[in-house]
Amino acid sequence: MILDRSVSKNFFGRENMLEVLYKTVANAKGGGTESVILSGKRGIGKTKLLENLYNLVFERQDVVPFFYTVRRSFVSSEDFANDYLGSFILQALAFMGKDPAVLSGVYSLEELKEAARVFGACWIADIIYEYIDVRKEGREAKIVLNAISAPYRSYQITGNPVVVMIDDLHKIRKFC
């Protein structure tokens, strides 16, 4: 689970790399656009590095962090889109409430819509309503595009920059 303190405790020798990544994130806070690709062999710690970056960004509350792992278990691009959007909204709510415990739950889009109202984040409900409307059209590419644009749309609405960290992106080939 992201924000598990054991992630940070067992993280040795990568502090400099983590700080470089954090500075890249901080540059984006000023309105800039930054991109970083971590590549390397399996098992060398790329995921742990991203998890620790997420923790650092969440703790410092500078930028809205969003960490997403692409899973092979999706049977359709719509499954991916539903999961991506739900994950973003859940993490945005946890960030807004400064409550990492929110991340331990599994919620439907309807439940997230209600949670957004409680947080006073009507923009989240609007993003969900838009997504549901697009889903009704049944055009897979448009559904995925709507979901993956949610972090950018949240930035447009709130002015709060979002750092998107995607792990195992190579697994997305299944839907292309």
N, C-alpha and C. Protein backbone atom coordinates (compact mmCIF):
# COMPACT_ATOMS: atom_id res chain seq x y z
N MET A 1 0.84 -1.19 0.00
CA MET A 1 0.00 0.00 0.00
C MET A 1 0.88 1.24 0.00
N ILE A 2 0.53 2.21 -0.77
CA ILE A 2 1.25 3.47 -0.80
C ILE A 2 1.06 4.17 0.54
N LEU A 3 2.07 4.87 0.95
CA LEU A 3 2.14 5.58 2.22
C LEU A 3 2.36 4.65 3.40
N ASP A 4 2.69 3.42 3.13
CA ASP A 4 3.07 2.48 4.18
C ASP A 4 4.46 2.91 4.65
N ARG A 5 4.59 3.21 5.91
CA ARG A 5 5.86 3.70 6.44
C ARG A 5 7.00 2.71 6.26
N SER A 6 6.69 1.42 6.13
CA SER A 6 7.75 0.43 5.95
C SER A 6 8.46 0.63 4.61
N VAL A 7 7.77 1.24 3.65
CA VAL A 7 8.40 1.52 2.37
C VAL A 7 9.60 2.43 2.59
N SER A 8 9.40 3.51 3.34
CA SER A 8 10.48 4.46 3.59
C SER A 8 11.57 3.88 4.48
N LYS A 9 11.20 3.05 5.46
CA LYS A 9 12.17 2.48 6.38
C LYS A 9 13.17 1.57 5.66
N ASN A 10 12.72 0.86 4.65
CA ASN A 10 13.57 -0.10 3.95
C ASN A 10 14.15 0.48 2.67
N PHE A 11 14.37 1.76 2.64
CA PHE A 11 14.82 2.44 1.43
C PHE A 11 16.22 3.01 1.70
N PHE A 12 17.24 2.33 1.20
CA PHE A 12 18.61 2.74 1.48
C PHE A 12 19.35 3.06 0.19
N GLY A 13 20.20 4.06 0.24
CA GLY A 13 21.10 4.35 -0.86
C GLY A 13 20.49 5.04 -2.06
N ARG A 14 19.25 5.42 -1.98
CA ARG A 14 18.60 6.08 -3.11
C ARG A 14 18.12 7.49 -2.75
N GLU A 15 18.56 8.00 -1.62
CA GLU A 15 18.09 9.30 -1.17
C GLU A 15 18.40 10.40 -2.18
N ASN A 16 19.61 10.36 -2.78
CA ASN A 16 19.97 11.39 -3.77
C ASN A 16 19.07 11.32 -4.99
N MET A 17 18.80 10.11 -5.45
CA MET A 17 17.92 9.94 -6.61
C MET A 17 16.51 10.43 -6.27
N LEU A 18 16.06 10.12 -5.07
CA LEU A 18 14.74 10.57 -4.63
C LEU A 18 14.68 12.09 -4.60
N GLU A 19 15.72 12.72 -4.11
CA GLU A 19 15.75 14.19 -4.04
C GLU A 19 15.74 14.81 -5.43
N VAL A 20 16.45 14.21 -6.38
CA VAL A 20 16.44 14.70 -7.77
C VAL A 20 15.03 14.61 -8.33
N LEU A 21 14.36 13.49 -8.10
CA LEU A 21 12.98 13.35 -8.58
C LEU A 21 12.05 14.35 -7.90
N TYR A 22 12.26 14.56 -6.61
CA TYR A 22 11.40 15.52 -5.91
C TYR A 22 11.61 16.93 -6.46
N LYS A 23 12.83 17.30 -6.76
CA LYS A 23 13.09 18.63 -7.34
C LYS A 23 12.40 18.78 -8.69
N THR A 24 12.34 17.71 -9.44
CA THR A 24 11.62 17.72 -10.72
C THR A 24 10.14 17.99 -10.47
N VAL A 25 9.59 17.33 -9.46
CA VAL A 25 8.19 17.55 -9.09
C VAL A 25 7.99 18.99 -8.65
N ALA A 26 8.90 19.50 -7.84
CA ALA A 26 8.79 20.87 -7.34
C ALA A 26 8.82 21.88 -8.49
N ASN A 27 9.59 21.59 -9.54
CA ASN A 27 9.62 22.48 -10.71
C ASN A 27 8.25 22.56 -11.36
N ALA A 28 7.55 21.45 -11.39
CA ALA A 28 6.21 21.43 -11.98
C ALA A 28 5.24 22.27 -11.17
N LYS A 29 5.51 22.41 -9.88
CA LYS A 29 4.63 23.20 -9.02
C LYS A 29 4.55 24.65 -9.50
N GLY A 30 5.63 25.14 -10.05
CA GLY A 30 5.66 26.51 -10.54
C GLY A 30 4.97 26.68 -11.89
N GLY A 31 4.29 25.65 -12.35
CA GLY A 31 3.57 25.74 -13.60
C GLY A 31 4.31 25.12 -14.77
N GLY A 32 5.49 24.61 -14.50
CA GLY A 32 6.26 23.98 -15.56
C GLY A 32 5.78 22.57 -15.84
N THR A 33 6.27 22.03 -16.91
CA THR A 33 5.96 20.64 -17.25
C THR A 33 7.26 19.86 -17.19
N GLU A 34 7.23 18.77 -16.49
CA GLU A 34 8.41 17.94 -16.34
C GLU A 34 8.04 16.49 -16.65
N SER A 35 8.96 15.79 -17.27
CA SER A 35 8.76 14.37 -17.54
C SER A 35 10.01 13.61 -17.15
N VAL A 36 9.81 12.46 -16.56
CA VAL A 36 10.92 11.60 -16.18
C VAL A 36 10.51 10.17 -16.51
N ILE A 37 11.42 9.43 -17.08
CA ILE A 37 11.17 8.01 -17.33
C ILE A 37 12.21 7.22 -16.54
N LEU A 38 11.72 6.32 -15.71
CA LEU A 38 12.61 5.41 -15.00
C LEU A 38 12.61 4.10 -15.76
N SER A 39 13.76 3.67 -16.17
CA SER A 39 13.81 2.39 -16.87
C SER A 39 14.94 1.56 -16.29
N GLY A 40 14.81 0.28 -16.42
CA GLY A 40 15.83 -0.62 -15.91
C GLY A 40 15.27 -2.01 -15.78
N LYS A 41 16.13 -2.92 -15.41
CA LYS A 41 15.73 -4.31 -15.26
C LYS A 41 14.71 -4.46 -14.14
N ARG A 42 13.96 -5.54 -14.23
CA ARG A 42 13.00 -5.89 -13.17
C ARG A 42 13.72 -6.07 -11.85
N GLY A 43 13.09 -5.58 -10.78
CA GLY A 43 13.59 -5.86 -9.44
C GLY A 43 14.70 -4.95 -8.94
N ILE A 44 15.00 -3.87 -9.67
CA ILE A 44 16.08 -3.00 -9.19
C ILE A 44 15.60 -1.85 -8.31
N GLY A 45 14.28 -1.74 -8.13
CA GLY A 45 13.76 -0.75 -7.19
C GLY A 45 13.06 0.45 -7.79
N LYS A 46 12.67 0.38 -9.04
CA LYS A 46 11.98 1.52 -9.66
C LYS A 46 10.65 1.80 -8.95
N THR A 47 9.90 0.76 -8.67
CA THR A 47 8.61 0.94 -8.01
C THR A 47 8.80 1.51 -6.61
N LYS A 48 9.76 1.00 -5.86
CA LYS A 48 10.02 1.52 -4.50
C LYS A 48 10.41 2.99 -4.55
N LEU A 49 11.18 3.36 -5.56
CA LEU A 49 11.57 4.76 -5.71
C LEU A 49 10.33 5.63 -5.94
N LEU A 50 9.44 5.18 -6.82
CA LEU A 50 8.21 5.94 -7.07
C LEU A 50 7.31 5.98 -5.83
N GLU A 51 7.22 4.88 -5.11
CA GLU A 51 6.42 4.86 -3.89
C GLU A 51 6.96 5.85 -2.86
N ASN A 52 8.27 5.91 -2.74
CA ASN A 52 8.87 6.85 -1.80
C ASN A 52 8.69 8.29 -2.28
N LEU A 53 8.75 8.51 -3.57
CA LEU A 53 8.47 9.84 -4.11
C LEU A 53 7.03 10.24 -3.79
N TYR A 54 6.11 9.31 -3.98
CA TYR A 54 4.71 9.57 -3.65
C TYR A 54 4.59 9.97 -2.17
N ASN A 55 5.21 9.20 -1.30
CA ASN A 55 5.16 9.51 0.14
C ASN A 55 5.67 10.91 0.42
N LEU A 56 6.80 11.25 -0.18
CA LEU A 56 7.41 12.55 0.05
C LEU A 56 6.51 13.68 -0.43
N VAL A 57 5.95 13.52 -1.62
CA VAL A 57 5.06 14.55 -2.17
C VAL A 57 3.81 14.67 -1.31
N PHE A 58 3.24 13.54 -0.91
CA PHE A 58 2.04 13.56 -0.07
C PHE A 58 2.32 14.26 1.26
N GLU A 59 3.44 13.93 1.88
CA GLU A 59 3.78 14.52 3.18
C GLU A 59 4.01 16.02 3.09
N ARG A 60 4.68 16.46 2.04
CA ARG A 60 5.01 17.89 1.91
C ARG A 60 3.84 18.71 1.39
N GLN A 61 2.83 18.06 0.82
CA GLN A 61 1.61 18.71 0.35
C GLN A 61 1.87 19.85 -0.64
N ASP A 62 2.90 19.70 -1.46
CA ASP A 62 3.21 20.72 -2.47
C ASP A 62 2.39 20.55 -3.74
N VAL A 63 2.28 19.32 -4.15
CA VAL A 63 1.67 18.96 -5.42
C VAL A 63 0.81 17.73 -5.14
N VAL A 64 -0.29 17.60 -5.85
CA VAL A 64 -1.15 16.43 -5.68
C VAL A 64 -0.46 15.22 -6.31
N PRO A 65 -0.15 14.20 -5.52
CA PRO A 65 0.50 13.02 -6.10
C PRO A 65 -0.53 11.99 -6.56
N PHE A 66 -0.23 11.35 -7.68
CA PHE A 66 -1.07 10.26 -8.17
C PHE A 66 -0.16 9.14 -8.64
N PHE A 67 -0.25 8.00 -7.96
CA PHE A 67 0.55 6.82 -8.29
C PHE A 67 -0.39 5.76 -8.83
N TYR A 68 -0.07 5.24 -10.00
CA TYR A 68 -0.94 4.23 -10.60
C TYR A 68 -0.11 3.09 -11.16
N THR A 69 -0.53 1.88 -10.85
CA THR A 69 0.12 0.68 -11.38
C THR A 69 -0.82 0.02 -12.38
N VAL A 70 -0.36 -0.13 -13.61
CA VAL A 70 -1.15 -0.81 -14.64
C VAL A 70 -1.10 -2.31 -14.34
N ARG A 71 -2.26 -2.92 -14.32
CA ARG A 71 -2.33 -4.36 -14.02
C ARG A 71 -2.70 -5.15 -15.28
N ARG A 72 -2.20 -6.34 -15.36
CA ARG A 72 -2.52 -7.22 -16.49
C ARG A 72 -3.93 -7.78 -16.40
N SER A 73 -4.55 -7.68 -15.26
CA SER A 73 -5.84 -8.35 -15.03
C SER A 73 -7.01 -7.66 -15.72
N PHE A 74 -6.80 -6.49 -16.30
CA PHE A 74 -7.91 -5.82 -16.98
C PHE A 74 -8.30 -6.60 -18.23
N VAL A 75 -9.61 -6.76 -18.41
CA VAL A 75 -10.07 -7.48 -19.59
C VAL A 75 -10.46 -6.54 -20.72
N SER A 76 -10.58 -5.26 -20.41
CA SER A 76 -10.93 -4.29 -21.45
C SER A 76 -10.33 -2.94 -21.13
N SER A 77 -10.31 -2.09 -22.12
CA SER A 77 -9.81 -0.74 -21.90
C SER A 77 -10.75 0.03 -20.97
N GLU A 78 -12.04 -0.31 -20.98
CA GLU A 78 -12.97 0.35 -20.06
C GLU A 78 -12.67 -0.03 -18.61
N ASP A 79 -12.28 -1.29 -18.37
CA ASP A 79 -11.87 -1.69 -17.02
C ASP A 79 -10.68 -0.85 -16.56
N PHE A 80 -9.71 -0.70 -17.46
CA PHE A 80 -8.54 0.13 -17.15
C PHE A 80 -8.98 1.56 -16.83
N ALA A 81 -9.83 2.13 -17.67
CA ALA A 81 -10.27 3.52 -17.49
C ALA A 81 -11.01 3.70 -16.16
N ASN A 82 -11.89 2.76 -15.84
CA ASN A 82 -12.62 2.83 -14.56
C ASN A 82 -11.65 2.82 -13.39
N ASP A 83 -10.68 1.92 -13.45
CA ASP A 83 -9.72 1.78 -12.36
C ASP A 83 -8.83 3.02 -12.25
N TYR A 84 -8.37 3.52 -13.39
CA TYR A 84 -7.49 4.69 -13.41
C TYR A 84 -8.21 5.90 -12.80
N LEU A 85 -9.42 6.16 -13.28
CA LEU A 85 -10.17 7.31 -12.78
C LEU A 85 -10.48 7.15 -11.30
N GLY A 86 -10.95 5.98 -10.90
CA GLY A 86 -11.25 5.75 -9.49
C GLY A 86 -10.03 5.91 -8.60
N SER A 87 -8.90 5.42 -9.07
CA SER A 87 -7.65 5.55 -8.30
C SER A 87 -7.24 7.01 -8.16
N PHE A 88 -7.35 7.76 -9.26
CA PHE A 88 -6.99 9.18 -9.18
C PHE A 88 -7.89 9.92 -8.19
N ILE A 89 -9.17 9.69 -8.29
CA ILE A 89 -10.11 10.41 -7.42
C ILE A 89 -9.88 10.03 -5.95
N LEU A 90 -9.68 8.76 -5.69
CA LEU A 90 -9.42 8.32 -4.32
C LEU A 90 -8.17 8.99 -3.77
N GLN A 91 -7.11 9.02 -4.56
CA GLN A 91 -5.87 9.63 -4.08
C GLN A 91 -6.01 11.14 -3.95
N ALA A 92 -6.76 11.77 -4.83
CA ALA A 92 -6.99 13.22 -4.70
C ALA A 92 -7.76 13.53 -3.41
N LEU A 93 -8.75 12.70 -3.09
CA LEU A 93 -9.50 12.90 -1.85
C LEU A 93 -8.62 12.69 -0.62
N ALA A 94 -7.77 11.67 -0.67
CA ALA A 94 -6.85 11.42 0.45
C ALA A 94 -5.92 12.61 0.63
N PHE A 95 -5.44 13.17 -0.47
CA PHE A 95 -4.55 14.32 -0.42
C PHE A 95 -5.28 15.54 0.14
N MET A 96 -6.48 15.79 -0.37
CA MET A 96 -7.25 16.95 0.09
C MET A 96 -7.53 16.87 1.59
N GLY A 97 -7.86 15.68 2.05
CA GLY A 97 -8.17 15.49 3.46
C GLY A 97 -6.94 15.23 4.32
N LYS A 98 -5.78 15.19 3.67
CA LYS A 98 -4.51 14.89 4.36
C LYS A 98 -4.64 13.62 5.19
N ASP A 99 -5.33 12.64 4.59
CA ASP A 99 -5.63 11.40 5.31
C ASP A 99 -5.29 10.18 4.46
N PRO A 100 -4.09 9.64 4.64
CA PRO A 100 -3.71 8.47 3.85
C PRO A 100 -4.56 7.24 4.13
N ALA A 101 -5.28 7.22 5.24
CA ALA A 101 -6.13 6.07 5.56
C ALA A 101 -7.22 5.88 4.51
N VAL A 102 -7.60 6.95 3.84
CA VAL A 102 -8.62 6.88 2.79
C VAL A 102 -8.18 5.90 1.70
N LEU A 103 -6.88 5.78 1.50
CA LEU A 103 -6.35 4.94 0.42
C LEU A 103 -6.57 3.45 0.65
N SER A 104 -6.91 3.07 1.86
CA SER A 104 -7.05 1.64 2.15
C SER A 104 -8.41 1.09 1.72
N GLY A 105 -9.32 1.96 1.32
CA GLY A 105 -10.65 1.50 0.92
C GLY A 105 -10.77 1.25 -0.57
N VAL A 106 -11.82 0.55 -0.93
CA VAL A 106 -12.17 0.34 -2.33
C VAL A 106 -13.58 0.90 -2.51
N TYR A 107 -13.72 1.82 -3.44
CA TYR A 107 -14.97 2.53 -3.58
C TYR A 107 -15.43 2.55 -5.03
N SER A 108 -16.74 2.55 -5.21
CA SER A 108 -17.30 2.69 -6.55
C SER A 108 -17.26 4.17 -6.93
N LEU A 109 -17.49 4.46 -8.20
CA LEU A 109 -17.53 5.86 -8.63
C LEU A 109 -18.67 6.60 -7.93
N GLU A 110 -19.77 5.92 -7.69
CA GLU A 110 -20.89 6.55 -6.97
C GLU A 110 -20.48 6.94 -5.55
N GLU A 111 -19.77 6.04 -4.88
CA GLU A 111 -19.31 6.33 -3.51
C GLU A 111 -18.28 7.47 -3.52
N LEU A 112 -17.43 7.50 -4.53
CA LEU A 112 -16.45 8.58 -4.63
C LEU A 112 -17.13 9.92 -4.89
N LYS A 113 -18.21 9.88 -5.66
CA LYS A 113 -18.98 11.10 -5.92
C LYS A 113 -19.53 11.66 -4.61
N GLU A 114 -20.06 10.78 -3.77
CA GLU A 114 -20.59 11.20 -2.47
C GLU A 114 -19.47 11.73 -1.57
N ALA A 115 -18.34 11.04 -1.57
CA ALA A 115 -17.20 11.49 -0.77
C ALA A 115 -16.74 12.87 -1.23
N ALA A 116 -16.77 13.11 -2.52
CA ALA A 116 -16.37 14.41 -3.06
C ALA A 116 -17.28 15.51 -2.51
N ARG A 117 -18.55 15.22 -2.42
CA ARG A 117 -19.49 16.21 -1.86
C ARG A 117 -19.15 16.52 -0.41
N VAL A 118 -18.82 15.48 0.35
CA VAL A 118 -18.45 15.65 1.76
C VAL A 118 -17.21 16.54 1.88
N PHE A 119 -16.27 16.35 0.97
CA PHE A 119 -15.03 17.14 0.97
C PHE A 119 -15.24 18.53 0.36
N GLY A 120 -16.42 18.78 -0.17
CA GLY A 120 -16.67 20.06 -0.82
C GLY A 120 -15.96 20.17 -2.16
N ALA A 121 -15.72 19.04 -2.79
CA ALA A 121 -15.00 19.01 -4.06
C ALA A 121 -15.97 18.66 -5.19
N CYS A 122 -16.85 19.59 -5.49
CA CYS A 122 -17.85 19.36 -6.53
C CYS A 122 -17.21 19.08 -7.88
N TRP A 123 -16.01 19.59 -8.08
CA TRP A 123 -15.32 19.36 -9.35
C TRP A 123 -15.07 17.87 -9.58
N ILE A 124 -14.87 17.11 -8.51
CA ILE A 124 -14.68 15.67 -8.65
C ILE A 124 -15.97 15.02 -9.14
N ALA A 125 -17.08 15.41 -8.54
CA ALA A 125 -18.37 14.88 -8.99
C ALA A 125 -18.60 15.22 -10.46
N ASP A 126 -18.23 16.43 -10.86
CA ASP A 126 -18.38 16.83 -12.27
C ASP A 126 -17.55 15.95 -13.19
N ILE A 127 -16.32 15.65 -12.78
CA ILE A 127 -15.46 14.78 -13.59
C ILE A 127 -16.08 13.39 -13.71
N ILE A 128 -16.65 12.89 -12.62
CA ILE A 128 -17.29 11.57 -12.65
C ILE A 128 -18.52 11.59 -13.55
N TYR A 129 -19.35 12.63 -13.44
CA TYR A 129 -20.54 12.73 -14.31
C TYR A 129 -20.13 12.75 -15.78
N GLU A 130 -19.11 13.53 -16.11
CA GLU A 130 -18.62 13.58 -17.50
C GLU A 130 -18.18 12.20 -17.96
N TYR A 131 -17.46 11.52 -17.10
CA TYR A 131 -16.95 10.19 -17.44
C TYR A 131 -18.11 9.22 -17.69
N ILE A 132 -19.10 9.26 -16.83
CA ILE A 132 -20.27 8.37 -16.99
C ILE A 132 -20.98 8.65 -18.31
N ASP A 133 -21.11 9.93 -18.66
CA ASP A 133 -21.73 10.29 -19.94
C ASP A 133 -20.93 9.75 -21.13
N VAL A 134 -19.61 9.89 -21.05
CA VAL A 134 -18.75 9.40 -22.14
C VAL A 134 -18.84 7.88 -22.22
N ARG A 135 -18.89 7.23 -21.07
CA ARG A 135 -18.98 5.77 -21.04
C ARG A 135 -20.26 5.28 -21.73
N LYS A 136 -21.34 6.04 -21.60
CA LYS A 136 -22.61 5.66 -22.23
C LYS A 136 -22.50 5.64 -23.75
N GLU A 137 -21.61 6.46 -24.30
CA GLU A 137 -21.40 6.49 -25.75
C GLU A 137 -20.77 5.19 -26.24
N GLY A 138 -20.02 4.52 -25.37
CA GLY A 138 -19.44 3.23 -25.71
C GLY A 138 -18.20 3.25 -26.59
N ARG A 139 -17.61 4.40 -26.79
CA ARG A 139 -16.41 4.49 -27.63
C ARG A 139 -15.18 4.36 -26.73
N GLU A 140 -14.51 3.21 -26.82
CA GLU A 140 -13.43 2.88 -25.89
C GLU A 140 -12.32 3.92 -25.84
N ALA A 141 -11.89 4.39 -26.99
CA ALA A 141 -10.79 5.36 -27.01
C ALA A 141 -11.19 6.64 -26.27
N LYS A 142 -12.41 7.07 -26.46
CA LYS A 142 -12.89 8.28 -25.80
C LYS A 142 -13.02 8.06 -24.28
N ILE A 143 -13.41 6.86 -23.89
CA ILE A 143 -13.54 6.53 -22.46
C ILE A 143 -12.16 6.59 -21.80
N VAL A 144 -11.17 5.97 -22.43
CA VAL A 144 -9.82 5.97 -21.87
C VAL A 144 -9.26 7.39 -21.83
N LEU A 145 -9.43 8.14 -22.90
CA LEU A 145 -8.94 9.52 -22.94
C LEU A 145 -9.57 10.36 -21.84
N ASN A 146 -10.86 10.19 -21.63
CA ASN A 146 -11.54 10.93 -20.57
C ASN A 146 -10.94 10.60 -19.21
N ALA A 147 -10.71 9.32 -18.96
CA ALA A 147 -10.16 8.90 -17.66
C ALA A 147 -8.75 9.41 -17.46
N ILE A 148 -7.89 9.25 -18.46
CA ILE A 148 -6.49 9.63 -18.24
C ILE A 148 -6.28 11.14 -18.24
N SER A 149 -7.27 11.88 -18.70
CA SER A 149 -7.15 13.35 -18.65
C SER A 149 -7.64 13.93 -17.32
N ALA A 150 -8.17 13.10 -16.44
CA ALA A 150 -8.71 13.60 -15.16
C ALA A 150 -7.68 14.37 -14.33
N PRO A 151 -6.43 13.91 -14.20
CA PRO A 151 -5.47 14.71 -13.42
C PRO A 151 -5.26 16.10 -14.01
N TYR A 152 -5.17 16.19 -15.33
CA TYR A 152 -4.98 17.50 -15.96
C TYR A 152 -6.23 18.37 -15.77
N ARG A 153 -7.40 17.76 -15.93
CA ARG A 153 -8.63 18.54 -15.74
C ARG A 153 -8.75 19.03 -14.30
N SER A 154 -8.30 18.22 -13.34
CA SER A 154 -8.35 18.68 -11.95
C SER A 154 -7.43 19.88 -11.76
N TYR A 155 -6.28 19.86 -12.42
CA TYR A 155 -5.36 21.00 -12.36
C TYR A 155 -6.01 22.24 -12.97
N GLN A 156 -6.67 22.07 -14.11
CA GLN A 156 -7.33 23.20 -14.75
C GLN A 156 -8.39 23.82 -13.85
N ILE A 157 -9.10 22.99 -13.13
CA ILE A 157 -10.20 23.46 -12.28
C ILE A 157 -9.69 24.05 -10.97
N THR A 158 -8.76 23.36 -10.33
CA THR A 158 -8.33 23.76 -8.97
C THR A 158 -7.07 24.61 -8.94
N GLY A 159 -6.26 24.52 -9.99
CA GLY A 159 -4.98 25.22 -9.99
C GLY A 159 -3.90 24.47 -9.22
N ASN A 160 -4.24 23.30 -8.68
CA ASN A 160 -3.27 22.49 -7.95
C ASN A 160 -2.58 21.52 -8.91
N PRO A 161 -1.26 21.68 -9.09
CA PRO A 161 -0.56 20.76 -9.99
C PRO A 161 -0.64 19.32 -9.50
N VAL A 162 -0.61 18.40 -10.44
CA VAL A 162 -0.68 16.97 -10.14
C VAL A 162 0.55 16.31 -10.74
N VAL A 163 1.21 15.48 -9.95
CA VAL A 163 2.30 14.67 -10.49
C VAL A 163 1.76 13.26 -10.67
N VAL A 164 1.84 12.77 -11.91
CA VAL A 164 1.32 11.45 -12.25
C VAL A 164 2.51 10.49 -12.36
N MET A 165 2.46 9.43 -11.57
CA MET A 165 3.51 8.41 -11.58
C MET A 165 2.87 7.10 -11.99
N ILE A 166 3.25 6.59 -13.15
CA ILE A 166 2.65 5.36 -13.65
C ILE A 166 3.70 4.26 -13.61
N ASP A 167 3.36 3.18 -12.96
CA ASP A 167 4.24 2.03 -12.83
C ASP A 167 3.74 0.91 -13.75
N ASP A 168 4.67 0.19 -14.32
CA ASP A 168 4.35 -0.93 -15.22
C ASP A 168 3.55 -0.49 -16.44
N LEU A 169 3.92 0.63 -17.00
CA LEU A 169 3.23 1.16 -18.17
C LEU A 169 3.29 0.19 -19.36
N HIS A 170 4.33 -0.62 -19.42
CA HIS A 170 4.46 -1.57 -20.54
C HIS A 170 3.28 -2.53 -20.62
N LYS A 171 2.56 -2.71 -19.53
CA LYS A 171 1.42 -3.63 -19.53
C LYS A 171 0.23 -3.07 -20.30
N ILE A 172 0.27 -1.80 -20.62
CA ILE A 172 -0.84 -1.17 -21.33
C ILE A 172 -0.93 -1.66 -22.78
N ARG A 173 0.13 -2.24 -23.30
CA ARG A 173 0.13 -2.74 -24.69
C ARG A 173 -1.05 -3.65 -24.98
N LYS A 174 -1.54 -4.29 -23.97
CA LYS A 174 -2.66 -5.22 -24.14
C LYS A 174 -3.88 -4.53 -24.76
N PHE A 175 -4.03 -3.23 -24.54
CA PHE A 175 -5.22 -2.52 -25.01
C PHE A 175 -4.99 -1.73 -26.28
N CYS A 176 -3.77 -1.70 -26.76
CA CYS A 176 -3.46 -0.89 -27.95
C CYS A 176 -3.73 -1.65 -29.23
